Amino acid sequence: MEGMMILKAMLSLAFVIGLMLLTLWAIKYCQLHGAKNRFMRKLGEQQRLQVLEIRRLDARNTLVLFRRDDAEHLILLGTAQNLLIESVPHKKVQK
């Protein structure tokens, strides 16, 4: 009876480790082949907001440069109120 419980415990452990490895493989596969996937391409096309740069000024304040559609915005975060410092239309380069 004791041997049967040890066997069940070992099989359960092998099953859980197998599930963890399968999940890890699925995540790696999606990272490597996600751009080829139709669903992932649609998500990439719908993104309108892009974080270009983040700079820490001190312990409380951070400057963040965003690009939204055709404009870039420089925002100061962390003070009593968040401030929009600069908003500049983004110049597109024609190829």
Protein backbone atom coordinates (compact mmCIF):
# COMPACT_ATOMS: atom_id res chain seq x y z
CA MET A 1 0.00 0.00 0.00
CA GLU A 2 2.82 2.38 0.84
CA GLY A 3 4.54 1.65 -2.47
CA MET A 4 1.36 2.55 -4.34
CA MET A 5 1.20 5.96 -2.64
CA ILE A 6 4.83 6.67 -3.51
CA LEU A 7 4.14 5.71 -7.14
CA LYS A 8 1.10 8.03 -7.26
CA ALA A 9 3.14 10.87 -5.77
CA MET A 10 5.94 10.35 -8.33
CA LEU A 11 3.46 10.23 -11.22
CA SER A 12 1.73 13.39 -9.95
CA LEU A 13 5.08 15.17 -9.70
CA ALA A 14 6.02 14.09 -13.24
CA PHE A 15 2.63 15.31 -14.50
CA VAL A 16 3.00 18.74 -12.86
CA ILE A 17 6.57 19.15 -14.15
CA GLY A 18 5.35 18.13 -17.62
CA LEU A 19 2.61 20.77 -17.51
CA MET A 20 5.14 23.40 -16.46
CA LEU A 21 7.47 22.47 -19.33
CA LEU A 22 4.57 22.50 -21.79
CA THR A 23 3.57 25.99 -20.61
CA LEU A 24 7.17 27.21 -20.93
CA TRP A 25 7.38 25.81 -24.47
CA ALA A 26 4.08 27.49 -25.42
CA ILE A 27 5.29 30.87 -24.14
CA LYS A 28 8.60 30.57 -26.00
CA TYR A 29 6.80 29.49 -29.18
CA CYS A 30 4.46 32.47 -29.04
CA GLN A 31 7.38 34.85 -28.49
CA LEU A 32 9.33 33.47 -31.45
CA HIS A 33 6.46 32.93 -33.88
CA GLY A 34 4.02 35.55 -32.60
CA ALA A 35 4.68 37.99 -35.45
CA LYS A 36 3.66 35.36 -37.99
CA ASN A 37 0.41 34.67 -36.18
CA ARG A 38 -2.59 36.51 -37.64
CA PHE A 39 -3.96 37.42 -34.20
CA MET A 40 -0.63 38.85 -33.03
CA ARG A 41 -0.28 40.91 -36.23
CA LYS A 42 -3.70 42.46 -35.69
CA LEU A 43 -2.74 43.42 -32.14
CA GLY A 44 0.45 45.04 -33.41
CA GLU A 45 -1.41 47.05 -36.05
CA GLN A 46 -3.89 48.47 -33.54
CA GLN A 47 -1.28 49.96 -31.24
CA ARG A 48 -1.40 53.75 -31.43
CA LEU A 49 0.68 54.57 -28.37
CA GLN A 50 4.42 53.98 -28.13
CA VAL A 51 6.79 54.81 -25.26
CA LEU A 52 9.97 56.17 -26.81
CA GLU A 53 12.05 57.06 -23.78
CA ILE A 54 11.86 57.17 -19.98
CA ARG A 55 14.25 59.26 -17.84
CA ARG A 56 14.31 59.36 -14.04
CA LEU A 57 15.02 62.89 -12.80
CA ASP A 58 15.05 62.10 -9.10
CA ALA A 59 13.27 59.82 -6.63
CA ARG A 60 9.87 61.40 -7.33
CA ASN A 61 9.92 62.71 -10.90
CA THR A 62 10.13 60.94 -14.24
CA LEU A 63 10.11 62.30 -17.78
CA VAL A 64 8.33 60.12 -20.34
CA LEU A 65 8.38 60.67 -24.10
CA PHE A 66 5.34 59.15 -25.86
CA ARG A 67 4.39 58.91 -29.53
CA ARG A 68 0.68 58.85 -30.29
CA ASP A 69 -0.41 58.63 -33.91
CA ASP A 70 1.51 61.53 -35.49
CA ALA A 71 2.44 63.52 -32.37
CA GLU A 72 5.07 63.20 -29.66
CA HIS A 73 4.34 64.23 -26.07
CA LEU A 74 6.81 64.87 -23.26
CA ILE A 75 5.17 64.33 -19.87
CA LEU A 76 6.53 64.91 -16.35
CA LEU A 77 5.17 62.27 -13.96
CA GLY A 78 5.36 62.07 -10.20
CA THR A 79 4.86 65.63 -9.02
CA ALA A 80 1.70 66.85 -7.28
CA GLN A 81 0.15 66.99 -10.74
CA ASN A 82 1.31 65.40 -13.97
CA LEU A 83 2.40 68.01 -16.50
CA LEU A 84 2.41 67.97 -20.29
CA ILE A 85 5.66 69.75 -21.03
CA GLU A 86 5.81 69.60 -24.80
CA SER A 87 3.64 68.32 -27.64
CA VAL A 88 5.24 68.18 -31.09
CA PRO A 89 3.79 66.83 -34.35
CA HIS A 90 5.80 63.83 -35.52
CA LYS A 91 7.44 64.28 -38.94
CA LYS A 92 7.11 61.20 -41.10
CA VAL A 93 10.04 60.38 -43.37
CA GLN A 94 9.06 59.44 -46.91
CA LYS A 95 11.06 56.63 -48.52
